[in-house]
Amino acid sequence: MNSLEVLKDLAARPGQAADYFWDDLDPAALGAHPGGHPNSVAWLIWHAARETDAQIAPLAGVEQVWTAQGFDRRFDLGDADLGYEDMGLGQDAAAARSVQVPET
């Protein structure tokens, strides 16, 4: 396995892991805070996707999907006020808890 294959494998893992449970997640499950942690299940999925996007885009020489496809504007992340560079690192508990999944 060469270095490019390793990077591709690592970038694909969060999505592959989500495939195991994605169909079982409803807004209540996405909004859950396991063990009372300030980061919800939705926040953790968002964070994993943002981390991958922010790290792979510069290596590929492209704009992050987060902004290129307008997710930064389309996601309603409540009062989190998450900008271009924000991936959730260093957020305080209140900001993390402000990421809510609307009931459908």
PDB file of N, CA and C in Angstrom:
ATOM      1  N   MET A   1       0.859  -1.177   0.000  1.00  0.00           N
ATOM      2  CA  MET A   1       0.000   0.000   0.000  1.00  0.00           C
ATOM      3  C   MET A   1       0.903   1.238   0.000  1.00  0.00           C
ATOM      4  N   ASN A   2       0.698   2.130  -0.974  1.00  0.00           N
ATOM      5  CA  ASN A   2       1.520   3.330  -1.028  1.00  0.00           C
ATOM      6  C   ASN A   2       0.864   4.448  -0.193  1.00  0.00           C
ATOM      7  N   SER A   3       1.547   5.578  -0.081  1.00  0.00           N
ATOM      8  CA  SER A   3       1.072   6.653   0.796  1.00  0.00           C
ATOM      9  C   SER A   3      -0.275   7.216   0.332  1.00  0.00           C
ATOM     10  N   LEU A   4      -0.506   7.311  -0.955  1.00  0.00           N
ATOM     11  CA  LEU A   4      -1.784   7.817  -1.450  1.00  0.00           C
ATOM     12  C   LEU A   4      -2.925   6.874  -1.080  1.00  0.00           C
ATOM     13  N   GLU A   5      -2.671   5.574  -1.183  1.00  0.00           N
ATOM     14  CA  GLU A   5      -3.696   4.604  -0.799  1.00  0.00           C
ATOM     15  C   GLU A   5      -3.997   4.679   0.691  1.00  0.00           C
ATOM     16  N   VAL A   6      -2.967   4.906   1.504  1.00  0.00           N
ATOM     17  CA  VAL A   6      -3.164   5.044   2.948  1.00  0.00           C
ATOM     18  C   VAL A   6      -4.039   6.267   3.239  1.00  0.00           C
ATOM     19  N   LEU A   7      -3.742   7.395   2.595  1.00  0.00           N
ATOM     20  CA  LEU A   7      -4.536   8.607   2.802  1.00  0.00           C
ATOM     21  C   LEU A   7      -5.985   8.409   2.367  1.00  0.00           C
ATOM     22  N   LYS A   8      -6.191   7.773   1.234  1.00  0.00           N
ATOM     23  CA  LYS A   8      -7.552   7.509   0.761  1.00  0.00           C
ATOM     24  C   LYS A   8      -8.300   6.622   1.743  1.00  0.00           C
ATOM     25  N   ASP A   9      -7.619   5.607   2.250  1.00  0.00           N
ATOM     26  CA  ASP A   9      -8.235   4.706   3.216  1.00  0.00           C
ATOM     27  C   ASP A   9      -8.617   5.459   4.488  1.00  0.00           C
ATOM     28  N   LEU A  10      -7.709   6.283   4.993  1.00  0.00           N
ATOM     29  CA  LEU A  10      -7.984   7.046   6.216  1.00  0.00           C
ATOM     30  C   LEU A  10      -9.126   8.027   6.012  1.00  0.00           C
ATOM     31  N   ALA A  11      -9.177   8.682   4.864  1.00  0.00           N
ATOM     32  CA  ALA A  11     -10.237   9.650   4.588  1.00  0.00           C
ATOM     33  C   ALA A  11     -11.597   8.981   4.462  1.00  0.00           C
ATOM     34  N   ALA A  12     -11.624   7.751   4.015  1.00  0.00           N
ATOM     35  CA  ALA A  12     -12.894   7.041   3.815  1.00  0.00           C
ATOM     36  C   ALA A  12     -13.447   6.431   5.094  1.00  0.00           C
ATOM     37  N   ARG A  13     -12.635   6.231   6.096  1.00  0.00           N
ATOM     38  CA  ARG A  13     -13.074   5.500   7.295  1.00  0.00           C
ATOM     39  C   ARG A  13     -14.237   6.130   8.051  1.00  0.00           C
ATOM     40  N   PRO A  14     -14.264   7.450   8.286  1.00  0.00           N
ATOM     41  CA  PRO A  14     -15.433   7.990   9.006  1.00  0.00           C
ATOM     42  C   PRO A  14     -16.755   7.705   8.289  1.00  0.00           C
ATOM     43  N   GLY A  15     -16.777   7.851   6.982  1.00  0.00           N
ATOM     44  CA  GLY A  15     -17.994   7.553   6.228  1.00  0.00           C
ATOM     45  C   GLY A  15     -18.365   6.091   6.287  1.00  0.00           C
ATOM     46  N   GLN A  16     -17.368   5.232   6.225  1.00  0.00           N
ATOM     47  CA  GLN A  16     -17.631   3.799   6.313  1.00  0.00           C
ATOM     48  C   GLN A  16     -18.184   3.439   7.689  1.00  0.00           C
ATOM     49  N   ALA A  17     -17.655   4.049   8.722  1.00  0.00           N
ATOM     50  CA  ALA A  17     -18.153   3.790  10.074  1.00  0.00           C
ATOM     51  C   ALA A  17     -19.593   4.268  10.214  1.00  0.00           C
ATOM     52  N   ALA A  18     -19.904   5.420   9.631  1.00  0.00           N
ATOM     53  CA  ALA A  18     -21.265   5.951   9.703  1.00  0.00           C
ATOM     54  C   ALA A  18     -22.259   5.053   8.986  1.00  0.00           C
ATOM     55  N   ASP A  19     -21.825   4.362   7.958  1.00  0.00           N
ATOM     56  CA  ASP A  19     -22.721   3.464   7.223  1.00  0.00           C
ATOM     57  C   ASP A  19     -23.319   2.377   8.117  1.00  0.00           C
ATOM     58  N   TYR A  20     -22.640   2.005   9.187  1.00  0.00           N
ATOM     59  CA  TYR A  20     -23.128   0.952  10.072  1.00  0.00           C
ATOM     60  C   TYR A  20     -24.374   1.378  10.845  1.00  0.00           C
ATOM     61  N   PHE A  21     -24.523   2.675  11.091  1.00  0.00           N
ATOM     62  CA  PHE A  21     -25.628   3.124  11.940  1.00  0.00           C
ATOM     63  C   PHE A  21     -26.472   4.250  11.344  1.00  0.00           C
ATOM     64  N   TRP A  22     -26.101   4.752  10.188  1.00  0.00           N
ATOM     65  CA  TRP A  22     -26.740   5.944   9.634  1.00  0.00           C
ATOM     66  C   TRP A  22     -28.255   5.818   9.527  1.00  0.00           C
ATOM     67  N   ASP A  23     -28.763   4.698   9.031  1.00  0.00           N
ATOM     68  CA  ASP A  23     -30.203   4.522   8.837  1.00  0.00           C
ATOM     69  C   ASP A  23     -30.976   4.492  10.152  1.00  0.00           C
ATOM     70  N   ASP A  24     -30.309   4.235  11.257  1.00  0.00           N
ATOM     71  CA  ASP A  24     -30.978   4.153  12.554  1.00  0.00           C
ATOM     72  C   ASP A  24     -31.004   5.489  13.294  1.00  0.00           C
ATOM     73  N   LEU A  25     -30.398   6.513  12.723  1.00  0.00           N
ATOM     74  CA  LEU A  25     -30.334   7.790  13.420  1.00  0.00           C
ATOM     75  C   LEU A  25     -31.516   8.679  13.058  1.00  0.00           C
ATOM     76  N   ASP A  26     -32.278   9.045  14.062  1.00  0.00           N
ATOM     77  CA  ASP A  26     -33.336  10.024  13.895  1.00  0.00           C
ATOM     78  C   ASP A  26     -32.895  11.297  14.617  1.00  0.00           C
ATOM     79  N   PRO A  27     -33.643  12.385  14.521  1.00  0.00           N
ATOM     80  CA  PRO A  27     -33.197  13.622  15.175  1.00  0.00           C
ATOM     81  C   PRO A  27     -32.896  13.468  16.667  1.00  0.00           C
ATOM     82  N   ALA A  28     -33.686  12.652  17.362  1.00  0.00           N
ATOM     83  CA  ALA A  28     -33.435  12.461  18.799  1.00  0.00           C
ATOM     84  C   ALA A  28     -32.090  11.778  19.034  1.00  0.00           C
ATOM     85  N   ALA A  29     -31.790  10.744  18.239  1.00  0.00           N
ATOM     86  CA  ALA A  29     -30.510  10.039  18.403  1.00  0.00           C
ATOM     87  C   ALA A  29     -29.349  10.940  18.004  1.00  0.00           C
ATOM     88  N   LEU A  30     -29.521  11.718  16.936  1.00  0.00           N
ATOM     89  CA  LEU A  30     -28.457  12.639  16.516  1.00  0.00           C
ATOM     90  C   LEU A  30     -28.199  13.712  17.562  1.00  0.00           C
ATOM     91  N   GLY A  31     -29.247  14.108  18.259  1.00  0.00           N
ATOM     92  CA  GLY A  31     -29.094  15.152  19.273  1.00  0.00           C
ATOM     93  C   GLY A  31     -28.663  14.642  20.627  1.00  0.00           C
ATOM     94  N   ALA A  32     -28.503  13.337  20.768  1.00  0.00           N
ATOM     95  CA  ALA A  32     -28.122  12.754  22.061  1.00  0.00           C
ATOM     96  C   ALA A  32     -26.682  13.122  22.419  1.00  0.00           C
ATOM     97  N   HIS A  33     -26.454  13.225  23.709  1.00  0.00           N
ATOM     98  CA  HIS A  33     -25.126  13.526  24.249  1.00  0.00           C
ATOM     99  C   HIS A  33     -24.690  12.345  25.123  1.00  0.00           C
ATOM    100  N   PRO A  34     -24.113  11.303  24.503  1.00  0.00           N
ATOM    101  CA  PRO A  34     -23.739  10.100  25.268  1.00  0.00           C
ATOM    102  C   PRO A  34     -22.855  10.437  26.466  1.00  0.00           C
ATOM    103  N   GLY A  35     -23.213   9.872  27.587  1.00  0.00           N
ATOM    104  CA  GLY A  35     -22.434  10.081  28.801  1.00  0.00           C
ATOM    105  C   GLY A  35     -22.456  11.513  29.296  1.00  0.00           C
ATOM    106  N   GLY A  36     -23.407  12.321  28.805  1.00  0.00           N
ATOM    107  CA  GLY A  36     -23.484  13.712  29.228  1.00  0.00           C
ATOM    108  C   GLY A  36     -22.439  14.609  28.589  1.00  0.00           C
ATOM    109  N   HIS A  37     -21.717  14.092  27.615  1.00  0.00           N
ATOM    110  CA  HIS A  37     -20.676  14.876  26.943  1.00  0.00           C
ATOM    111  C   HIS A  37     -21.311  16.043  26.200  1.00  0.00           C
ATOM    112  N   PRO A  38     -20.662  17.211  26.151  1.00  0.00           N
ATOM    113  CA  PRO A  38     -21.260  18.351  25.450  1.00  0.00           C
ATOM    114  C   PRO A  38     -21.399  18.151  23.943  1.00  0.00           C
ATOM    115  N   ASN A  39     -20.629  17.254  23.361  1.00  0.00           N
ATOM    116  CA  ASN A  39     -20.711  17.025  21.918  1.00  0.00           C
ATOM    117  C   ASN A  39     -21.756  15.955  21.625  1.00  0.00           C
ATOM    118  N   SER A  40     -22.753  16.338  20.811  1.00  0.00           N
ATOM    119  CA  SER A  40     -23.799  15.392  20.423  1.00  0.00           C
ATOM    120  C   SER A  40     -23.280  14.449  19.353  1.00  0.00           C
ATOM    121  N   VAL A  41     -24.064  13.436  19.051  1.00  0.00           N
ATOM    122  CA  VAL A  41     -23.730  12.512  17.970  1.00  0.00           C
ATOM    123  C   VAL A  41     -23.623  13.295  16.665  1.00  0.00           C
ATOM    124  N   ALA A  42     -24.571  14.218  16.414  1.00  0.00           N
ATOM    125  CA  ALA A  42     -24.528  15.047  15.200  1.00  0.00           C
ATOM    126  C   ALA A  42     -23.253  15.876  15.152  1.00  0.00           C
ATOM    127  N   TRP A  43     -22.866  16.454  16.283  1.00  0.00           N
ATOM    128  CA  TRP A  43     -21.654  17.262  16.330  1.00  0.00           C
ATOM    129  C   TRP A  43     -20.439  16.406  15.982  1.00  0.00           C
ATOM    130  N   LEU A  44     -20.376  15.202  16.510  1.00  0.00           N
ATOM    131  CA  LEU A  44     -19.236  14.320  16.255  1.00  0.00           C
ATOM    132  C   LEU A  44     -19.142  13.924  14.785  1.00  0.00           C
ATOM    133  N   ILE A  45     -20.301  13.670  14.148  1.00  0.00           N
ATOM    134  CA  ILE A  45     -20.302  13.342  12.722  1.00  0.00           C
ATOM    135  C   ILE A  45     -19.857  14.554  11.915  1.00  0.00           C
ATOM    136  N   TRP A  46     -20.400  15.731  12.249  1.00  0.00           N
ATOM    137  CA  TRP A  46     -20.009  16.969  11.566  1.00  0.00           C
ATOM    138  C   TRP A  46     -18.502  17.212  11.728  1.00  0.00           C
ATOM    139  N   HIS A  47     -18.010  17.051  12.932  1.00  0.00           N
ATOM    140  CA  HIS A  47     -16.594  17.295  13.230  1.00  0.00           C
ATOM    141  C   HIS A  47     -15.695  16.356  12.422  1.00  0.00           C
ATOM    142  N   ALA A  48     -16.056  15.076  12.366  1.00  0.00           N
ATOM    143  CA  ALA A  48     -15.245  14.121  11.598  1.00  0.00           C
ATOM    144  C   ALA A  48     -15.218  14.500  10.118  1.00  0.00           C
ATOM    145  N   ALA A  49     -16.367  14.912   9.589  1.00  0.00           N
ATOM    146  CA  ALA A  49     -16.425  15.315   8.177  1.00  0.00           C
ATOM    147  C   ALA A  49     -15.617  16.583   7.931  1.00  0.00           C
ATOM    148  N   ARG A  50     -15.716  17.548   8.831  1.00  0.00           N
ATOM    149  CA  ARG A  50     -14.975  18.809   8.676  1.00  0.00           C
ATOM    150  C   ARG A  50     -13.471  18.574   8.759  1.00  0.00           C
ATOM    151  N   GLU A  51     -13.053  17.747   9.698  1.00  0.00           N
ATOM    152  CA  GLU A  51     -11.627  17.433   9.830  1.00  0.00           C
ATOM    153  C   GLU A  51     -11.088  16.835   8.538  1.00  0.00           C
ATOM    154  N   THR A  52     -11.808  15.869   7.998  1.00  0.00           N
ATOM    155  CA  THR A  52     -11.374  15.220   6.763  1.00  0.00           C
ATOM    156  C   THR A  52     -11.341  16.223   5.621  1.00  0.00           C
ATOM    157  N   ASP A  53     -12.392  17.003   5.486  1.00  0.00           N
ATOM    158  CA  ASP A  53     -12.494  18.002   4.425  1.00  0.00           C
ATOM    159  C   ASP A  53     -11.352  19.022   4.520  1.00  0.00           C
ATOM    160  N   ALA A  54     -11.111  19.546   5.704  1.00  0.00           N
ATOM    161  CA  ALA A  54     -10.092  20.582   5.888  1.00  0.00           C
ATOM    162  C   ALA A  54      -8.674  20.058   5.675  1.00  0.00           C
ATOM    163  N   GLN A  55      -8.471  18.782   5.865  1.00  0.00           N
ATOM    164  CA  GLN A  55      -7.133  18.224   5.687  1.00  0.00           C
ATOM    165  C   GLN A  55      -6.883  17.731   4.264  1.00  0.00           C
ATOM    166  N   ILE A  56      -7.913  17.185   3.626  1.00  0.00           N
ATOM    167  CA  ILE A  56      -7.743  16.628   2.290  1.00  0.00           C
ATOM    168  C   ILE A  56      -7.767  17.710   1.208  1.00  0.00           C
ATOM    169  N   ALA A  57      -8.609  18.726   1.349  1.00  0.00           N
ATOM    170  CA  ALA A  57      -8.733  19.762   0.319  1.00  0.00           C
ATOM    171  C   ALA A  57      -7.391  20.417  -0.030  1.00  0.00           C
ATOM    172  N   PRO A  58      -6.596  20.840   0.969  1.00  0.00           N
ATOM    173  CA  PRO A  58      -5.314  21.447   0.607  1.00  0.00           C
ATOM    174  C   PRO A  58      -4.363  20.465  -0.092  1.00  0.00           C
ATOM    175  N   LEU A  59      -4.415  19.205   0.293  1.00  0.00           N
ATOM    176  CA  LEU A  59      -3.567  18.210  -0.359  1.00  0.00           C
ATOM    177  C   LEU A  59      -3.972  17.999  -1.811  1.00  0.00           C
ATOM    178  N   ALA A  60      -5.273  18.133  -2.071  1.00  0.00           N
ATOM    179  CA  ALA A  60      -5.784  17.944  -3.436  1.00  0.00           C
ATOM    180  C   ALA A  60      -5.744  19.239  -4.238  1.00  0.00           C
ATOM    181  N   GLY A  61      -5.455  20.354  -3.561  1.00  0.00           N
ATOM    182  CA  GLY A  61      -5.411  21.638  -4.253  1.00  0.00           C
ATOM    183  C   GLY A  61      -6.785  22.154  -4.636  1.00  0.00           C
ATOM    184  N   VAL A  62      -7.792  21.821  -3.840  1.00  0.00           N
ATOM    185  CA  VAL A  62      -9.149  22.267  -4.116  1.00  0.00           C
ATOM    186  C   VAL A  62      -9.729  22.960  -2.887  1.00  0.00           C
ATOM    187  N   GLU A  63     -10.825  23.680  -3.106  1.00  0.00           N
ATOM    188  CA  GLU A  63     -11.531  24.321  -2.001  1.00  0.00           C
ATOM    189  C   GLU A  63     -12.240  23.261  -1.165  1.00  0.00           C
ATOM    190  N   GLN A  64     -12.385  23.527   0.108  1.00  0.00           N
ATOM    191  CA  GLN A  64     -13.094  22.598   0.976  1.00  0.00           C
ATOM    192  C   GLN A  64     -14.538  22.445   0.516  1.00  0.00           C
ATOM    193  N   VAL A  65     -15.070  21.234   0.607  1.00  0.00           N
ATOM    194  CA  VAL A  65     -16.463  20.966   0.261  1.00  0.00           C
ATOM    195  C   VAL A  65     -17.384  21.833   1.116  1.00  0.00           C
ATOM    196  N   TRP A  66     -17.006  22.062   2.359  1.00  0.00           N
ATOM    197  CA  TRP A  66     -17.796  22.851   3.304  1.00  0.00           C
ATOM    198  C   TRP A  66     -18.197  24.194   2.703  1.00  0.00           C
ATOM    199  N   THR A  67     -17.274  24.847   2.002  1.00  0.00           N
ATOM    200  CA  THR A  67     -17.589  26.130   1.380  1.00  0.00           C
ATOM    201  C   THR A  67     -17.888  26.000  -0.105  1.00  0.00           C
ATOM    202  N   ALA A  68     -17.200  25.130  -0.812  1.00  0.00           N
ATOM    203  CA  ALA A  68     -17.385  25.003  -2.262  1.00  0.00           C
ATOM    204  C   ALA A  68     -18.811  24.609  -2.613  1.00  0.00           C
ATOM    205  N   GLN A  69     -19.432  23.804  -1.780  1.00  0.00           N
ATOM    206  CA  GLN A  69     -20.793  23.362  -2.053  1.00  0.00           C
ATOM    207  C   GLN A  69     -21.827  24.064  -1.163  1.00  0.00           C
ATOM    208  N   GLY A  70     -21.377  25.096  -0.448  1.00  0.00           N
ATOM    209  CA  GLY A  70     -22.296  25.932   0.318  1.00  0.00           C
ATOM    210  C   GLY A  70     -22.815  25.360   1.614  1.00  0.00           C
ATOM    211  N   PHE A  71     -22.186  24.305   2.120  1.00  0.00           N
ATOM    212  CA  PHE A  71     -22.658  23.732   3.378  1.00  0.00           C
ATOM    213  C   PHE A  71     -22.489  24.709   4.542  1.00  0.00           C
ATOM    214  N   ASP A  72     -21.504  25.571   4.466  1.00  0.00           N
ATOM    215  CA  ASP A  72     -21.315  26.558   5.526  1.00  0.00           C
ATOM    216  C   ASP A  72     -22.525  27.475   5.651  1.00  0.00           C
ATOM    217  N   ARG A  73     -23.238  27.694   4.556  1.00  0.00           N
ATOM    218  CA  ARG A  73     -24.431  28.537   4.581  1.00  0.00           C
ATOM    219  C   ARG A  73     -25.703  27.714   4.764  1.00  0.00           C
ATOM    220  N   ARG A  74     -25.719  26.496   4.253  1.00  0.00           N
ATOM    221  CA  ARG A  74     -26.939  25.687   4.258  1.00  0.00           C
ATOM    222  C   ARG A  74     -27.198  24.989   5.582  1.00  0.00           C
ATOM    223  N   PHE A  75     -26.151  24.658   6.302  1.00  0.00           N
ATOM    224  CA  PHE A  75     -26.354  23.999   7.588  1.00  0.00           C
ATOM    225  C   PHE A  75     -26.877  25.010   8.591  1.00  0.00           C
ATOM    226  N   ASP A  76     -27.905  24.621   9.311  1.00  0.00           N
ATOM    227  CA  ASP A  76     -28.428  25.466  10.368  1.00  0.00           C
ATOM    228  C   ASP A  76     -27.835  24.941  11.668  1.00  0.00           C
ATOM    229  N   LEU A  77     -26.712  25.512  12.056  1.00  0.00           N
ATOM    230  CA  LEU A  77     -26.011  25.014  13.241  1.00  0.00           C
ATOM    231  C   LEU A  77     -26.297  25.857  14.472  1.00  0.00           C
ATOM    232  N   GLY A  78     -27.482  26.418  14.503  1.00  0.00           N
ATOM    233  CA  GLY A  78     -27.901  27.142  15.689  1.00  0.00           C
ATOM    234  C   GLY A  78     -26.998  28.319  15.989  1.00  0.00           C
ATOM    235  N   ASP A  79     -26.658  28.469  17.245  1.00  0.00           N
ATOM    236  CA  ASP A  79     -25.841  29.594  17.693  1.00  0.00           C
ATOM    237  C   ASP A  79     -24.353  29.291  17.637  1.00  0.00           C
ATOM    238  N   ALA A  80     -23.964  28.196  16.995  1.00  0.00           N
ATOM    239  CA  ALA A  80     -22.556  27.804  16.987  1.00  0.00           C
ATOM    240  C   ALA A  80     -21.691  28.773  16.201  1.00  0.00           C
ATOM    241  N   ASP A  81     -22.265  29.456  15.194  1.00  0.00           N
ATOM    242  CA  ASP A  81     -21.537  30.446  14.403  1.00  0.00           C
ATOM    243  C   ASP A  81     -20.196  29.886  13.928  1.00  0.00           C
ATOM    244  N   LEU A  82     -20.267  28.849  13.114  1.00  0.00           N
ATOM    245  CA  LEU A  82     -19.079  28.142  12.666  1.00  0.00           C
ATOM    246  C   LEU A  82     -18.610  28.696  11.334  1.00  0.00           C
ATOM    247  N   GLY A  83     -17.420  29.247  11.321  1.00  0.00           N
ATOM    248  CA  GLY A  83     -16.871  29.841  10.120  1.00  0.00           C
ATOM    249  C   GLY A  83     -16.076  28.864   9.282  1.00  0.00           C
ATOM    250  N   TYR A  84     -15.434  29.411   8.258  1.00  0.00           N
ATOM    251  CA  TYR A  84     -14.676  28.627   7.273  1.00  0.00           C
ATOM    252  C   TYR A  84     -13.650  27.723   7.927  1.00  0.00           C
ATOM    253  N   GLU A  85     -12.897  28.251   8.859  1.00  0.00           N
ATOM    254  CA  GLU A  85     -11.808  27.491   9.467  1.00  0.00           C
ATOM    255  C   GLU A  85     -12.247  26.634  10.645  1.00  0.00           C
ATOM    256  N   ASP A  86     -13.469  26.807  11.095  1.00  0.00           N
ATOM    257  CA  ASP A  86     -13.918  26.118  12.303  1.00  0.00           C
ATOM    258  C   ASP A  86     -14.225  24.658  12.022  1.00  0.00           C
ATOM    259  N   MET A  87     -13.646  23.808  12.846  1.00  0.00           N
ATOM    260  CA  MET A  87     -13.905  22.375  12.780  1.00  0.00           C
ATOM    261  C   MET A  87     -14.367  21.858  14.131  1.00  0.00           C
ATOM    262  N   GLY A  88     -14.618  22.778  15.046  1.00  0.00           N
ATOM    263  CA  GLY A  88     -15.087  22.392  16.361  1.00  0.00           C
ATOM    264  C   GLY A  88     -14.004  22.292  17.409  1.00  0.00           C
ATOM    265  N   LEU A  89     -12.752  22.375  17.000  1.00  0.00           N
ATOM    266  CA  LEU A  89     -11.666  22.270  17.974  1.00  0.00           C
ATOM    267  C   LEU A  89     -11.657  23.488  18.887  1.00  0.00           C
ATOM    268  N   GLY A  90     -11.610  23.256  20.176  1.00  0.00           N
ATOM    269  CA  GLY A  90     -11.537  24.342  21.138  1.00  0.00           C
ATOM    270  C   GLY A  90     -12.867  24.983  21.473  1.00  0.00           C
ATOM    271  N   GLN A  91     -13.961  24.439  20.942  1.00  0.00           N
ATOM    272  CA  GLN A  91     -15.264  24.989  21.296  1.00  0.00           C
ATOM    273  C   GLN A  91     -15.545  24.732  22.763  1.00  0.00           C
ATOM    274  N   ASP A  92     -16.193  25.705  23.404  1.00  0.00           N
ATOM    275  CA  ASP A  92     -16.601  25.448  24.778  1.00  0.00           C
ATOM    276  C   ASP A  92     -17.887  24.621  24.757  1.00  0.00           C
ATOM    277  N   ALA A  93     -18.282  24.145  25.921  1.00  0.00           N
ATOM    278  CA  ALA A  93     -19.435  23.243  26.011  1.00  0.00           C
ATOM    279  C   ALA A  93     -20.708  23.909  25.494  1.00  0.00           C
ATOM    280  N   ALA A  94     -20.887  25.190  25.740  1.00  0.00           N
ATOM    281  CA  ALA A  94     -22.102  25.888  25.285  1.00  0.00           C
ATOM    282  C   ALA A  94     -22.169  25.924  23.762  1.00  0.00           C
ATOM    283  N   ALA A  95     -21.049  26.195  23.099  1.00  0.00           N
ATOM    284  CA  ALA A  95     -21.036  26.232  21.634  1.00  0.00           C
ATOM    285  C   ALA A  95     -21.304  24.843  21.066  1.00  0.00           C
ATOM    286  N   ALA A  96     -20.708  23.821  21.652  1.00  0.00           N
ATOM    287  CA  ALA A  96     -20.925  22.455  21.177  1.00  0.00           C
ATOM    288  C   ALA A  96     -22.387  22.052  21.354  1.00  0.00           C
ATOM    289  N   ARG A  97     -22.970  22.402  22.479  1.00  0.00           N
ATOM    290  CA  ARG A  97     -24.366  22.048  22.736  1.00  0.00           C
ATOM    291  C   ARG A  97     -25.332  22.839  21.860  1.00  0.00           C
ATOM    292  N   SER A  98     -24.901  23.957  21.297  1.00  0.00           N
ATOM    293  CA  SER A  98     -25.791  24.759  20.461  1.00  0.00           C
ATOM    294  C   SER A  98     -26.044  24.129  19.097  1.00  0.00           C
ATOM    295  N   VAL A  99     -25.247  23.141  18.713  1.00  0.00           N
ATOM    296  CA  VAL A  99     -25.482  22.438  17.452  1.00  0.00           C
ATOM    297  C   VAL A  99     -26.651  21.489  17.678  1.00  0.00           C
ATOM    298  N   GLN A 100     -27.778  21.822  17.085  1.00  0.00           N
ATOM    299  CA  GLN A 100     -29.016  21.072  17.257  1.00  0.00           C
ATOM    300  C   GLN A 100     -29.480  20.484  15.931  1.00  0.00           C
ATOM    301  N   VAL A 101     -30.162  19.351  16.003  1.00  0.00           N
ATOM    302  CA  VAL A 101     -30.750  18.735  14.821  1.00  0.00           C
ATOM    303  C   VAL A 101     -32.251  19.022  14.877  1.00  0.00           C
ATOM    304  N   PRO A 102     -32.775  19.720  13.868  1.00  0.00           N
ATOM    305  CA  PRO A 102     -34.215  20.051  13.910  1.00  0.00           C
ATOM    306  C   PRO A 102     -35.069  18.805  13.734  1.00  0.00           C
ATOM    307  N   GLU A 103     -36.203  18.792  14.386  1.00  0.00           N
ATOM    308  CA  GLU A 103     -37.172  17.711  14.185  1.00  0.00           C
ATOM    309  C   GLU A 103     -37.740  17.853  12.776  1.00  0.00           C
ATOM    310  N   THR A 104     -37.952  16.728  12.117  1.00  0.00           N
ATOM    311  CA  THR A 104     -38.487  16.793  10.750  1.00  0.00           C
ATOM    312  C   THR A 104     -39.943  16.438  10.713  1.00  0.00           C
TER     313      THR A 104
END
